[in-house]
PDB file of N, CA and C in Angstrom:
ATOM      1  N   MET A   1    -106.087   4.223 -50.541  1.00  0.00           N
ATOM      2  CA  MET A   1    -105.239   4.517 -49.274  1.00  0.00           C
ATOM      3  C   MET A   1    -105.378   3.513 -48.065  1.00  0.00           C
ATOM      4  N   GLU A   2    -104.058   3.308 -47.684  1.00  0.00           N
ATOM      5  CA  GLU A   2    -104.049   2.134 -46.443  1.00  0.00           C
ATOM      6  C   GLU A   2    -103.979   2.928 -45.172  1.00  0.00           C
ATOM      7  N   ASN A   3    -104.689   2.467 -44.299  1.00  0.00           N
ATOM      8  CA  ASN A   3    -105.023   2.829 -42.947  1.00  0.00           C
ATOM      9  C   ASN A   3    -103.929   2.558 -41.978  1.00  0.00           C
ATOM     10  N   TRP A   4    -103.257   3.171 -41.311  1.00  0.00           N
ATOM     11  CA  TRP A   4    -102.354   2.661 -40.094  1.00  0.00           C
ATOM     12  C   TRP A   4    -102.875   2.750 -38.883  1.00  0.00           C
ATOM     13  N   VAL A   5    -102.653   1.747 -38.316  1.00  0.00           N
ATOM     14  CA  VAL A   5    -102.950   1.401 -36.662  1.00  0.00           C
ATOM     15  C   VAL A   5    -101.899   1.362 -35.956  1.00  0.00           C
ATOM     16  N   VAL A   6    -101.829   2.361 -34.961  1.00  0.00           N
ATOM     17  CA  VAL A   6    -100.665   2.373 -34.070  1.00  0.00           C
ATOM     18  C   VAL A   6    -101.452   1.917 -32.643  1.00  0.00           C
ATOM     19  N   SER A   7    -100.610   0.954 -32.038  1.00  0.00           N
ATOM     20  CA  SER A   7    -101.271   0.563 -30.943  1.00  0.00           C
ATOM     21  C   SER A   7    -100.252   1.632 -29.720  1.00  0.00           C
ATOM     22  N   ARG A   8    -101.034   1.225 -28.664  1.00  0.00           N
ATOM     23  CA  ARG A   8    -100.493   2.067 -27.567  1.00  0.00           C
ATOM     24  C   ARG A   8     -99.002   1.819 -27.352  1.00  0.00           C
ATOM     25  N   TYR A   9     -98.764   0.385 -27.349  1.00  0.00           N
ATOM     26  CA  TYR A   9     -97.342   0.025 -27.076  1.00  0.00           C
ATOM     27  C   TYR A   9     -96.349   1.026 -28.107  1.00  0.00           C
ATOM     28  N   GLU A  10     -96.552   0.778 -29.171  1.00  0.00           N
ATOM     29  CA  GLU A  10     -95.813   1.483 -30.382  1.00  0.00           C
ATOM     30  C   GLU A  10     -95.784   2.988 -30.033  1.00  0.00           C
ATOM     31  N   ILE A  11     -96.890   3.575 -29.527  1.00  0.00           N
ATOM     32  CA  ILE A  11     -96.818   4.840 -29.240  1.00  0.00           C
ATOM     33  C   ILE A  11     -96.187   5.307 -28.170  1.00  0.00           C
ATOM     34  N   ASN A  12     -96.102   4.460 -27.106  1.00  0.00           N
ATOM     35  CA  ASN A  12     -95.355   4.902 -26.090  1.00  0.00           C
ATOM     36  C   ASN A  12     -93.659   4.284 -26.422  1.00  0.00           C
ATOM     37  N   ILE A  13     -93.201   3.453 -27.043  1.00  0.00           N
ATOM     38  CA  ILE A  13     -91.929   3.190 -27.874  1.00  0.00           C
ATOM     39  C   ILE A  13     -91.530   4.332 -28.698  1.00  0.00           C
ATOM     40  N   ILE A  14     -92.447   4.983 -29.377  1.00  0.00           N
ATOM     41  CA  ILE A  14     -91.877   5.993 -30.271  1.00  0.00           C
ATOM     42  C   ILE A  14     -91.770   7.338 -29.626  1.00  0.00           C
ATOM     43  N   SER A  15     -92.506   7.632 -28.618  1.00  0.00           N
ATOM     44  CA  SER A  15     -92.508   8.846 -27.712  1.00  0.00           C
ATOM     45  C   SER A  15     -90.991   8.645 -26.832  1.00  0.00           C
ATOM     46  N   PHE A  16     -91.168   7.627 -26.116  1.00  0.00           N
ATOM     47  CA  PHE A  16     -89.546   7.492 -25.445  1.00  0.00           C
ATOM     48  C   PHE A  16     -88.463   7.410 -26.206  1.00  0.00           C
ATOM     49  N   ALA A  17     -88.526   7.175 -27.533  1.00  0.00           N
ATOM     50  CA  ALA A  17     -87.170   6.942 -28.365  1.00  0.00           C
ATOM     51  C   ALA A  17     -87.023   8.769 -29.032  1.00  0.00           C
ATOM     52  N   GLY A  18     -88.246   9.138 -28.978  1.00  0.00           N
ATOM     53  CA  GLY A  18     -88.194  10.727 -29.689  1.00  0.00           C
ATOM     54  C   GLY A  18     -87.290  11.389 -28.470  1.00  0.00           C
ATOM     55  N   VAL A  19     -87.480  11.181 -27.032  1.00  0.00           N
ATOM     56  CA  VAL A  19     -86.764  12.058 -26.194  1.00  0.00           C
ATOM     57  C   VAL A  19     -85.304  12.093 -26.218  1.00  0.00           C
ATOM     58  N   ILE A  20     -84.758  10.793 -26.853  1.00  0.00           N
ATOM     59  CA  ILE A  20     -83.448  10.389 -26.667  1.00  0.00           C
ATOM     60  C   ILE A  20     -82.873  11.479 -27.693  1.00  0.00           C
ATOM     61  N   ARG A  21     -83.579  11.734 -28.704  1.00  0.00           N
ATOM     62  CA  ARG A  21     -82.660  12.474 -29.980  1.00  0.00           C
ATOM     63  C   ARG A  21     -82.555  13.749 -29.655  1.00  0.00           C
ATOM     64  N   GLY A  22     -81.567  13.966 -28.826  1.00  0.00           N
ATOM     65  CA  GLY A  22     -80.940  15.426 -28.350  1.00  0.00           C
ATOM     66  C   GLY A  22     -80.266  15.964 -29.212  1.00  0.00           C
ATOM     67  N   SER A  23     -79.764  15.289 -30.399  1.00  0.00           N
ATOM     68  CA  SER A  23     -78.614  15.802 -31.042  1.00  0.00           C
ATOM     69  C   SER A  23     -79.198  16.631 -32.060  1.00  0.00           C
ATOM     70  N   VAL A  24     -80.473  16.562 -32.423  1.00  0.00           N
ATOM     71  CA  VAL A  24     -81.246  17.515 -33.244  1.00  0.00           C
ATOM     72  C   VAL A  24     -81.128  19.015 -32.401  1.00  0.00           C
ATOM     73  N   THR A  25     -81.425  18.620 -31.011  1.00  0.00           N
ATOM     74  CA  THR A  25     -81.480  19.918 -30.313  1.00  0.00           C
ATOM     75  C   THR A  25     -79.962  20.680 -30.427  1.00  0.00           C
ATOM     76  N   PHE A  26     -78.967  19.855 -29.976  1.00  0.00           N
ATOM     77  CA  PHE A  26     -77.710  20.523 -30.192  1.00  0.00           C
ATOM     78  C   PHE A  26     -77.236  21.269 -31.775  1.00  0.00           C
ATOM     79  N   ALA A  27     -77.699  20.543 -32.829  1.00  0.00           N
ATOM     80  CA  ALA A  27     -77.595  21.246 -34.292  1.00  0.00           C
ATOM     81  C   ALA A  27     -78.280  22.393 -34.072  1.00  0.00           C
ATOM     82  N   LEU A  28     -79.418  22.559 -33.766  1.00  0.00           N
ATOM     83  CA  LEU A  28     -80.233  23.885 -33.745  1.00  0.00           C
ATOM     84  C   LEU A  28     -79.632  24.673 -33.062  1.00  0.00           C
ATOM     85  N   ILE A  29     -79.072  24.509 -31.878  1.00  0.00           N
ATOM     86  CA  ILE A  29     -78.516  25.550 -30.812  1.00  0.00           C
ATOM     87  C   ILE A  29     -77.103  26.156 -31.494  1.00  0.00           C
ATOM     88  N   SER A  30     -76.395  25.102 -32.097  1.00  0.00           N
ATOM     89  CA  SER A  30     -75.236  25.613 -32.858  1.00  0.00           C
ATOM     90  C   SER A  30     -75.371  26.378 -34.249  1.00  0.00           C
ATOM     91  N   SER A  31     -76.677  26.430 -34.583  1.00  0.00           N
ATOM     92  CA  SER A  31     -77.062  27.430 -35.764  1.00  0.00           C
ATOM     93  C   SER A  31     -77.074  28.359 -35.426  1.00  0.00           C
ATOM     94  N   ILE A  32     -77.164  28.886 -33.965  1.00  0.00           N
ATOM     95  CA  ILE A  32     -77.505  30.477 -33.688  1.00  0.00           C
ATOM     96  C   ILE A  32     -76.413  31.255 -33.824  1.00  0.00           C
ATOM     97  N   ASP A  33     -76.644  32.453 -34.257  1.00  0.00           N
ATOM     98  CA  ASP A  33     -75.639  33.450 -34.705  1.00  0.00           C
ATOM     99  C   ASP A  33     -74.846  33.877 -33.423  1.00  0.00           C
ATOM    100  N   VAL A  34     -73.463  33.408 -33.035  1.00  0.00           N
ATOM    101  CA  VAL A  34     -72.868  33.464 -32.012  1.00  0.00           C
ATOM    102  C   VAL A  34     -72.917  35.350 -31.561  1.00  0.00           C
ATOM    103  N   MET A  35     -73.173  36.285 -32.264  1.00  0.00           N
ATOM    104  CA  MET A  35     -73.098  37.588 -32.309  1.00  0.00           C
ATOM    105  C   MET A  35     -74.267  37.919 -31.259  1.00  0.00           C
ATOM    106  N   ASP A  36     -75.203  37.142 -31.350  1.00  0.00           N
ATOM    107  CA  ASP A  36     -76.310  37.528 -30.633  1.00  0.00           C
ATOM    108  C   ASP A  36     -76.231  37.338 -29.013  1.00  0.00           C
ATOM    109  N   PHE A  37     -75.377  36.425 -28.630  1.00  0.00           N
ATOM    110  CA  PHE A  37     -75.525  35.985 -27.400  1.00  0.00           C
ATOM    111  C   PHE A  37     -73.916  36.152 -26.905  1.00  0.00           C
ATOM    112  N   GLY A  38     -72.674  36.640 -27.465  1.00  0.00           N
ATOM    113  CA  GLY A  38     -71.641  36.778 -27.005  1.00  0.00           C
ATOM    114  C   GLY A  38     -70.902  35.627 -26.327  1.00  0.00           C
ATOM    115  N   GLN A  39     -70.468  35.939 -25.406  1.00  0.00           N
ATOM    116  CA  GLN A  39     -69.546  34.767 -24.554  1.00  0.00           C
ATOM    117  C   GLN A  39     -70.689  33.874 -24.050  1.00  0.00           C
ATOM    118  N   GLY A  40     -72.051  34.436 -23.658  1.00  0.00           N
ATOM    119  CA  GLY A  40     -73.226  33.455 -23.260  1.00  0.00           C
ATOM    120  C   GLY A  40     -73.267  32.418 -24.170  1.00  0.00           C
ATOM    121  N   MET A  41     -73.097  32.369 -25.517  1.00  0.00           N
ATOM    122  CA  MET A  41     -73.401  31.319 -26.247  1.00  0.00           C
ATOM    123  C   MET A  41     -72.549  30.028 -25.822  1.00  0.00           C
ATOM    124  N   LEU A  42     -71.107  30.318 -25.501  1.00  0.00           N
ATOM    125  CA  LEU A  42     -70.453  29.283 -24.798  1.00  0.00           C
ATOM    126  C   LEU A  42     -71.150  28.469 -23.786  1.00  0.00           C
ATOM    127  N   VAL A  43     -71.901  28.883 -22.897  1.00  0.00           N
ATOM    128  CA  VAL A  43     -72.402  28.411 -21.796  1.00  0.00           C
ATOM    129  C   VAL A  43     -73.799  27.660 -22.317  1.00  0.00           C
ATOM    130  N   ILE A  44     -74.310  28.220 -23.292  1.00  0.00           N
ATOM    131  CA  ILE A  44     -75.630  27.490 -23.923  1.00  0.00           C
ATOM    132  C   ILE A  44     -75.416  26.401 -24.454  1.00  0.00           C
ATOM    133  N   GLU A  45     -74.567  26.555 -25.476  1.00  0.00           N
ATOM    134  CA  GLU A  45     -73.656  25.206 -26.478  1.00  0.00           C
ATOM    135  C   GLU A  45     -73.300  24.198 -24.989  1.00  0.00           C
ATOM    136  N   SER A  46     -72.596  24.555 -24.066  1.00  0.00           N
ATOM    137  CA  SER A  46     -72.158  23.629 -22.735  1.00  0.00           C
ATOM    138  C   SER A  46     -73.105  22.762 -22.404  1.00  0.00           C
ATOM    139  N   SER A  47     -74.089  23.872 -21.693  1.00  0.00           N
ATOM    140  CA  SER A  47     -75.275  23.263 -21.421  1.00  0.00           C
ATOM    141  C   SER A  47     -76.078  22.336 -21.873  1.00  0.00           C
ATOM    142  N   VAL A  48     -76.640  22.704 -23.350  1.00  0.00           N
ATOM    143  CA  VAL A  48     -77.162  21.859 -23.981  1.00  0.00           C
ATOM    144  C   VAL A  48     -76.689  20.766 -24.768  1.00  0.00           C
ATOM    145  N   LEU A  49     -75.072  20.742 -24.659  1.00  0.00           N
ATOM    146  CA  LEU A  49     -74.302  19.284 -25.016  1.00  0.00           C
ATOM    147  C   LEU A  49     -74.523  18.685 -23.858  1.00  0.00           C
ATOM    148  N   ALA A  50     -74.153  18.996 -22.659  1.00  0.00           N
ATOM    149  CA  ALA A  50     -74.261  18.251 -21.351  1.00  0.00           C
ATOM    150  C   ALA A  50     -75.704  17.509 -21.365  1.00  0.00           C
ATOM    151  N   ILE A  51     -76.670  18.266 -21.447  1.00  0.00           N
ATOM    152  CA  ILE A  51     -77.853  17.749 -21.386  1.00  0.00           C
ATOM    153  C   ILE A  51     -78.377  16.593 -22.320  1.00  0.00           C
ATOM    154  N   VAL A  52     -77.855  16.680 -23.625  1.00  0.00           N
ATOM    155  CA  VAL A  52     -77.847  15.897 -24.664  1.00  0.00           C
ATOM    156  C   VAL A  52     -77.196  14.811 -24.294  1.00  0.00           C
ATOM    157  N   ILE A  53     -75.914  14.569 -23.958  1.00  0.00           N
ATOM    158  CA  ILE A  53     -75.318  13.719 -23.338  1.00  0.00           C
ATOM    159  C   ILE A  53     -75.877  12.450 -22.286  1.00  0.00           C
ATOM    160  N   ILE A  54     -76.106  13.393 -21.400  1.00  0.00           N
ATOM    161  CA  ILE A  54     -76.721  12.773 -19.878  1.00  0.00           C
ATOM    162  C   ILE A  54     -78.070  11.864 -20.460  1.00  0.00           C
ATOM    163  N   THR A  55     -78.723  12.819 -20.725  1.00  0.00           N
ATOM    164  CA  THR A  55     -80.103  12.044 -21.447  1.00  0.00           C
ATOM    165  C   THR A  55     -79.916  11.152 -22.482  1.00  0.00           C
ATOM    166  N   THR A  56     -78.989  11.051 -23.280  1.00  0.00           N
ATOM    167  CA  THR A  56     -78.874   9.965 -24.175  1.00  0.00           C
ATOM    168  C   THR A  56     -78.195   8.893 -23.335  1.00  0.00           C
ATOM    169  N   ILE A  57     -77.346   8.735 -22.696  1.00  0.00           N
ATOM    170  CA  ILE A  57     -76.495   7.785 -21.886  1.00  0.00           C
ATOM    171  C   ILE A  57     -77.867   7.177 -20.937  1.00  0.00           C
ATOM    172  N   LEU A  58     -78.429   8.127 -20.069  1.00  0.00           N
ATOM    173  CA  LEU A  58     -79.644   7.641 -19.132  1.00  0.00           C
ATOM    174  C   LEU A  58     -80.634   6.886 -19.728  1.00  0.00           C
ATOM    175  N   LEU A  59     -81.186   7.636 -20.708  1.00  0.00           N
ATOM    176  CA  LEU A  59     -82.501   7.125 -21.540  1.00  0.00           C
ATOM    177  C   LEU A  59     -82.153   5.966 -22.287  1.00  0.00           C
ATOM    178  N   GLU A  60     -81.096   5.792 -22.827  1.00  0.00           N
ATOM    179  CA  GLU A  60     -80.560   4.513 -23.787  1.00  0.00           C
ATOM    180  C   GLU A  60     -80.355   3.437 -22.899  1.00  0.00           C
ATOM    181  N   THR A  61     -80.012   3.641 -21.725  1.00  0.00           N
ATOM    182  CA  THR A  61     -79.858   2.417 -20.820  1.00  0.00           C
ATOM    183  C   THR A  61     -81.092   1.844 -20.043  1.00  0.00           C
ATOM    184  N   VAL A  62     -82.154   2.864 -20.042  1.00  0.00           N
ATOM    185  CA  VAL A  62     -83.399   2.479 -19.568  1.00  0.00           C
ATOM    186  C   VAL A  62     -84.376   1.763 -20.591  1.00  0.00           C
ATOM    187  N   MET A  63     -83.811   2.100 -21.758  1.00  0.00           N
ATOM    188  CA  MET A  63     -84.816   1.682 -23.028  1.00  0.00           C
ATOM    189  C   MET A  63     -85.449   0.148 -23.021  1.00  0.00           C
ATOM    190  N   PRO A  64     -84.307  -0.897 -22.823  1.00  0.00           N
ATOM    191  CA  PRO A  64     -84.752  -2.022 -22.909  1.00  0.00           C
ATOM    192  C   PRO A  64     -85.747  -2.463 -21.709  1.00  0.00           C
ATOM    193  N   ALA A  65     -85.587  -1.834 -20.613  1.00  0.00           N
ATOM    194  CA  ALA A  65     -86.372  -2.108 -19.511  1.00  0.00           C
ATOM    195  C   ALA A  65     -87.839  -1.135 -19.610  1.00  0.00           C
ATOM    196  N   PHE A  66     -87.957  -0.372 -20.455  1.00  0.00           N
ATOM    197  CA  PHE A  66     -89.068   0.193 -20.594  1.00  0.00           C
ATOM    198  C   PHE A  66     -89.833  -0.396 -21.737  1.00  0.00           C
ATOM    199  N   ILE A  67     -89.392  -0.842 -22.940  1.00  0.00           N
ATOM    200  CA  ILE A  67     -89.831  -1.852 -23.620  1.00  0.00           C
ATOM    201  C   ILE A  67     -90.205  -3.144 -23.080  1.00  0.00           C
ATOM    202  N   ILE A  68     -89.625  -3.825 -22.388  1.00  0.00           N
ATOM    203  CA  ILE A  68     -90.130  -4.880 -21.487  1.00  0.00           C
ATOM    204  C   ILE A  68     -91.393  -4.427 -20.576  1.00  0.00           C
ATOM    205  N   PHE A  69     -91.270  -3.662 -19.784  1.00  0.00           N
ATOM    206  CA  PHE A  69     -92.467  -3.339 -18.937  1.00  0.00           C
ATOM    207  C   PHE A  69     -93.500  -2.630 -19.868  1.00  0.00           C
ATOM    208  N   ASN A  70     -93.877  -2.330 -21.177  1.00  0.00           N
ATOM    209  CA  ASN A  70     -94.749  -1.822 -21.922  1.00  0.00           C
ATOM    210  C   ASN A  70     -95.228  -3.097 -22.542  1.00  0.00           C
ATOM    211  N   LEU A  71     -94.566  -4.248 -22.449  1.00  0.00           N
ATOM    212  CA  LEU A  71     -94.919  -5.394 -23.059  1.00  0.00           C
ATOM    213  C   LEU A  71     -96.222  -6.083 -22.356  1.00  0.00           C
ATOM    214  N   ASP A  72     -95.965  -5.944 -21.195  1.00  0.00           N
ATOM    215  CA  ASP A  72     -96.810  -6.524 -20.143  1.00  0.00           C
ATOM    216  C   ASP A  72     -98.359  -5.906 -20.041  1.00  0.00           C
TER     217      ASP A  72
END
């Protein structure tokens, strides 16, 4: 069995990249039965979609700088 060693740099990049993956959140929120929330489901879906879009655009633009910062 081979041992894997993950450096602090790699852990930082993995954790930061994990934050960007909001599409999984949207897929999960879309699987909720609409009957449970009624009209509130539209608000929930819209809010989650807005958060996903904003964080994806914002964090993906910051990612190169984050990588360079962690190289030091």
